[in-house]
C-alpha atoms as a PDB file:
ATOM      1  CA  UNK A   1      20.861  -3.961  -0.609  1.00  0.00           C
ATOM      2  CA  UNK A   2      17.162  -3.377   0.119  1.00  0.00           C
ATOM      3  CA  UNK A   3      17.351  -1.312   3.295  1.00  0.00           C
ATOM      4  CA  UNK A   4      14.115   0.699   2.843  1.00  0.00           C
ATOM      5  CA  UNK A   5      11.069  -1.165   1.583  1.00  0.00           C
ATOM      6  CA  UNK A   6       7.881   0.494   0.360  1.00  0.00           C
ATOM      7  CA  UNK A   7       4.866  -1.675   1.101  1.00  0.00           C
ATOM      8  CA  UNK A   8       1.689  -0.305  -0.495  1.00  0.00           C
ATOM      9  CA  UNK A   9      -1.393  -2.116   0.749  1.00  0.00           C
ATOM     10  CA  UNK A  10      -5.107  -2.125   0.060  1.00  0.00           C
ATOM     11  CA  UNK A  11      -5.565  -4.760   2.790  1.00  0.00           C
ATOM     12  CA  UNK A  12      -6.413  -7.436   0.220  1.00  0.00           C
ATOM     13  CA  UNK A  13      -5.349 -11.047   0.804  1.00  0.00           C
ATOM     14  CA  UNK A  14      -2.586 -10.730  -1.799  1.00  0.00           C
ATOM     15  CA  UNK A  15      -1.238  -7.582  -0.175  1.00  0.00           C
ATOM     16  CA  UNK A  16      -1.233  -9.308   3.225  1.00  0.00           C
ATOM     17  CA  UNK A  17       0.874 -12.134   1.773  1.00  0.00           C
ATOM     18  CA  UNK A  18       3.517  -9.495   1.106  1.00  0.00           C
ATOM     19  CA  UNK A  19       4.249  -9.223   4.820  1.00  0.00           C
ATOM     20  CA  UNK A  20       5.785 -12.713   4.846  1.00  0.00           C
ATOM     21  CA  UNK A  21       8.117 -11.761   2.009  1.00  0.00           C
ATOM     22  CA  UNK A  22       9.088  -8.510   3.685  1.00  0.00           C
ATOM     23  CA  UNK A  23      10.016 -10.414   6.843  1.00  0.00           C
ATOM     24  CA  UNK A  24      12.313 -12.614   4.766  1.00  0.00           C
ATOM     25  CA  UNK A  25      14.022  -9.500   3.380  1.00  0.00           C
ATOM     26  CA  UNK A  26      15.139  -8.707   6.942  1.00  0.00           C
ATOM     27  CA  UNK A  27      17.820 -11.378   6.502  1.00  0.00           C
ATOM     28  CA  UNK A  28      18.909  -9.621   3.296  1.00  0.00           C
ATOM     29  CA  UNK A  29      19.529  -6.326   5.103  1.00  0.00           C
ATOM     30  CA  UNK A  30      16.103  -4.680   5.102  1.00  0.00           C
ATOM     31  CA  UNK A  31      15.826  -2.333   8.076  1.00  0.00           C
ATOM     32  CA  UNK A  32      12.859  -0.061   7.461  1.00  0.00           C
ATOM     33  CA  UNK A  33       9.400  -0.458   5.920  1.00  0.00           C
ATOM     34  CA  UNK A  34       7.213   2.381   4.753  1.00  0.00           C
ATOM     35  CA  UNK A  35       3.639   1.076   4.894  1.00  0.00           C
ATOM     36  CA  UNK A  36       1.404   2.992   2.492  1.00  0.00           C
ATOM     37  CA  UNK A  37      -2.347   2.968   2.001  1.00  0.00           C
ATOM     38  CA  UNK A  38      -3.892   5.121  -0.715  1.00  0.00           C
ATOM     39  CA  UNK A  39      -7.543   6.152  -0.529  1.00  0.00           C
ATOM     40  CA  UNK A  40      -8.534   6.005  -4.184  1.00  0.00           C
ATOM     41  CA  UNK A  41     -10.258   9.303  -5.003  1.00  0.00           C
ATOM     42  CA  UNK A  42     -11.636   7.968  -8.285  1.00  0.00           C
ATOM     43  CA  UNK A  43     -14.456   6.195  -6.453  1.00  0.00           C
ATOM     44  CA  UNK A  44     -15.732   9.319  -4.727  1.00  0.00           C
ATOM     45  CA  UNK A  45     -18.674  11.187  -6.210  1.00  0.00           C
ATOM     46  CA  UNK A  46     -17.637  14.796  -5.703  1.00  0.00           C
ATOM     47  CA  UNK A  47     -21.176  16.087  -6.145  1.00  0.00           C
ATOM     48  CA  UNK A  48     -22.300  14.240  -3.005  1.00  0.00           C
ATOM     49  CA  UNK A  49     -19.437  15.223  -0.705  1.00  0.00           C
ATOM     50  CA  UNK A  50     -20.397  18.653   0.619  1.00  0.00           C
ATOM     51  CA  UNK A  51     -24.068  17.923   1.221  1.00  0.00           C
ATOM     52  CA  UNK A  52     -24.028  14.417   2.598  1.00  0.00           C
ATOM     53  CA  UNK A  53     -24.028  13.827   6.343  1.00  0.00           C
ATOM     54  CA  UNK A  54     -23.974  10.101   5.609  1.00  0.00           C
ATOM     55  CA  UNK A  55     -20.765  10.531   3.651  1.00  0.00           C
ATOM     56  CA  UNK A  56     -19.037  12.011   6.696  1.00  0.00           C
ATOM     57  CA  UNK A  57     -20.133   9.034   8.796  1.00  0.00           C
ATOM     58  CA  UNK A  58     -18.891   6.624   6.148  1.00  0.00           C
ATOM     59  CA  UNK A  59     -15.588   8.492   5.917  1.00  0.00           C
ATOM     60  CA  UNK A  60     -15.104   8.340   9.708  1.00  0.00           C
ATOM     61  CA  UNK A  61     -15.872   4.609   9.729  1.00  0.00           C
ATOM     62  CA  UNK A  62     -13.436   4.066   6.861  1.00  0.00           C
ATOM     63  CA  UNK A  63     -10.724   6.061   8.639  1.00  0.00           C
ATOM     64  CA  UNK A  64     -11.216   3.894  11.727  1.00  0.00           C
ATOM     65  CA  UNK A  65     -10.829   0.693   9.702  1.00  0.00           C
ATOM     66  CA  UNK A  66      -7.717   2.039   7.957  1.00  0.00           C
ATOM     67  CA  UNK A  67      -6.185   3.082  11.285  1.00  0.00           C
ATOM     68  CA  UNK A  68      -6.823  -0.372  12.766  1.00  0.00           C
ATOM     69  CA  UNK A  69      -5.454  -2.222   9.710  1.00  0.00           C
ATOM     70  CA  UNK A  70      -2.371  -0.022   9.479  1.00  0.00           C
ATOM     71  CA  UNK A  71      -1.766  -0.367  13.221  1.00  0.00           C
ATOM     72  CA  UNK A  72      -1.878  -4.155  12.990  1.00  0.00           C
ATOM     73  CA  UNK A  73       0.603  -4.147  10.094  1.00  0.00           C
ATOM     74  CA  UNK A  74       2.865  -1.703  11.934  1.00  0.00           C
ATOM     75  CA  UNK A  75       2.833  -3.880  15.071  1.00  0.00           C
ATOM     76  CA  UNK A  76       3.595  -7.035  13.074  1.00  0.00           C
ATOM     77  CA  UNK A  77       6.556  -5.449  11.290  1.00  0.00           C
ATOM     78  CA  UNK A  78       7.924  -3.859  14.463  1.00  0.00           C
ATOM     79  CA  UNK A  79       7.647  -7.261  16.119  1.00  0.00           C
ATOM     80  CA  UNK A  80       9.818  -8.640  13.317  1.00  0.00           C
ATOM     81  CA  UNK A  81      12.474  -6.023  14.092  1.00  0.00           C
ATOM     82  CA  UNK A  82      11.794  -3.367  11.459  1.00  0.00           C
ATOM     83  CA  UNK A  83      11.666   0.388  11.832  1.00  0.00           C
ATOM     84  CA  UNK A  84       8.203   1.283  10.463  1.00  0.00           C
ATOM     85  CA  UNK A  85       6.728   4.446   9.000  1.00  0.00           C
ATOM     86  CA  UNK A  86       3.003   4.550   8.219  1.00  0.00           C
ATOM     87  CA  UNK A  87       1.532   6.789   5.522  1.00  0.00           C
ATOM     88  CA  UNK A  88      -2.064   7.235   4.385  1.00  0.00           C
ATOM     89  CA  UNK A  89      -2.515   9.281   1.227  1.00  0.00           C
ATOM     90  CA  UNK A  90      -5.427  10.260  -1.016  1.00  0.00           C
ATOM     91  CA  UNK A  91      -5.160  10.099  -4.774  1.00  0.00           C
ATOM     92  CA  UNK A  92      -4.776   7.674  -7.633  1.00  0.00           C
ATOM     93  CA  UNK A  93      -3.008   4.637  -6.172  1.00  0.00           C
ATOM     94  CA  UNK A  94      -0.232   4.024  -8.699  1.00  0.00           C
ATOM     95  CA  UNK A  95       0.646   7.739  -8.835  1.00  0.00           C
ATOM     96  CA  UNK A  96       0.794   8.019  -5.055  1.00  0.00           C
ATOM     97  CA  UNK A  97       2.918   4.864  -4.807  1.00  0.00           C
ATOM     98  CA  UNK A  98       5.425   6.286  -7.298  1.00  0.00           C
ATOM     99  CA  UNK A  99       5.434   9.676  -5.543  1.00  0.00           C
ATOM    100  CA  UNK A 100       6.090   8.073  -2.160  1.00  0.00           C
ATOM    101  CA  UNK A 101       8.778   5.848  -3.700  1.00  0.00           C
ATOM    102  CA  UNK A 102      10.658   8.979  -4.690  1.00  0.00           C
ATOM    103  CA  UNK A 103       9.928  10.991  -1.517  1.00  0.00           C
ATOM    104  CA  UNK A 104      11.021   8.211   0.803  1.00  0.00           C
ATOM    105  CA  UNK A 105      14.050   7.179  -1.279  1.00  0.00           C
ATOM    106  CA  UNK A 106      13.163   3.486  -0.998  1.00  0.00           C
ATOM    107  CA  UNK A 107      15.325   0.690  -2.368  1.00  0.00           C
ATOM    108  CA  UNK A 108      12.478  -1.692  -3.328  1.00  0.00           C
ATOM    109  CA  UNK A 109       8.700  -1.950  -3.511  1.00  0.00           C
ATOM    110  CA  UNK A 110       6.720  -5.021  -2.408  1.00  0.00           C
ATOM    111  CA  UNK A 111       3.293  -5.025  -4.042  1.00  0.00           C
ATOM    112  CA  UNK A 112       0.494  -7.553  -4.523  1.00  0.00           C
ATOM    113  CA  UNK A 113      -0.226  -8.695  -8.064  1.00  0.00           C
ATOM    114  CA  UNK A 114      -3.933  -7.942  -7.641  1.00  0.00           C
ATOM    115  CA  UNK A 115      -5.813  -5.783  -5.222  1.00  0.00           C
ATOM    116  CA  UNK A 116      -9.416  -5.813  -4.136  1.00  0.00           C
ATOM    117  CA  UNK A 117     -10.603  -4.939  -7.643  1.00  0.00           C
ATOM    118  CA  UNK A 118      -8.769  -7.759  -9.410  1.00  0.00           C
ATOM    119  CA  UNK A 119     -11.495  -8.094 -12.050  1.00  0.00           C
ATOM    120  CA  UNK A 120     -10.141  -5.012 -13.858  1.00  0.00           C
ATOM    121  CA  UNK A 121      -7.105  -6.815 -15.232  1.00  0.00           C
ATOM    122  CA  UNK A 122      -7.068 -10.581 -15.599  1.00  0.00           C
ATOM    123  CA  UNK A 123      -3.308 -11.152 -15.920  1.00  0.00           C
ATOM    124  CA  UNK A 124      -1.980  -8.461 -13.622  1.00  0.00           C
ATOM    125  CA  UNK A 125      -3.742  -5.814 -11.580  1.00  0.00           C
ATOM    126  CA  UNK A 126      -3.798  -2.350 -13.123  1.00  0.00           C
ATOM    127  CA  UNK A 127      -2.080  -0.667 -10.161  1.00  0.00           C
ATOM    128  CA  UNK A 128       0.715  -3.225  -9.876  1.00  0.00           C
ATOM    129  CA  UNK A 129       1.221  -3.255 -13.645  1.00  0.00           C
ATOM    130  CA  UNK A 130       1.695   0.528 -13.746  1.00  0.00           C
ATOM    131  CA  UNK A 131       3.996   0.472 -10.716  1.00  0.00           C
ATOM    132  CA  UNK A 132       6.144  -2.233 -12.331  1.00  0.00           C
ATOM    133  CA  UNK A 133       6.446  -0.260 -15.562  1.00  0.00           C
ATOM    134  CA  UNK A 134       7.165   3.139 -13.998  1.00  0.00           C
ATOM    135  CA  UNK A 135       9.004   2.475 -10.733  1.00  0.00           C
ATOM    136  CA  UNK A 136      12.623   3.553 -10.451  1.00  0.00           C
ATOM    137  CA  UNK A 137      13.520   0.719  -8.095  1.00  0.00           C
ATOM    138  CA  UNK A 138      13.066  -3.061  -8.087  1.00  0.00           C
ATOM    139  CA  UNK A 139       9.505  -4.270  -7.535  1.00  0.00           C
ATOM    140  CA  UNK A 140       8.748  -7.579  -5.853  1.00  0.00           C
ATOM    141  CA  UNK A 141       5.314  -8.736  -7.020  1.00  0.00           C
ATOM    142  CA  UNK A 142       3.426 -11.108  -4.744  1.00  0.00           C
ATOM    143  CA  UNK A 143       1.199 -13.612  -6.541  1.00  0.00           C
ATOM    144  CA  UNK A 144      -2.309 -14.413  -5.360  1.00  0.00           C
END
């Protein structure tokens, strides 16, 4: 039923809880997980980018952290018997999640209810709320 799972993550605690649920979906026929991290471009000051040497250092450090986090998730899911595809995209998170959902032809999305910026929306995170409303496939929302 849910053979291909899209797992968008911002590495928050809620997102990490999603891994346990994904592992349980293995018994329900899940075979492959597409792990997605979106670098949110809205937080980048475009006026600083070309001139800042410090920005390049920060970007390299961030890329290293993302690579390590994604590698750990990939290893954990492979250890649980899944085929894993890792994607890192830049853009507006909910839009990239929906784009990847379509591109990868997934059968379900597992998303945390709140990400790292959970102050934005008190009842439900803004990214997860938009994904729930606009996704074509079922969305499993993981509570904090």
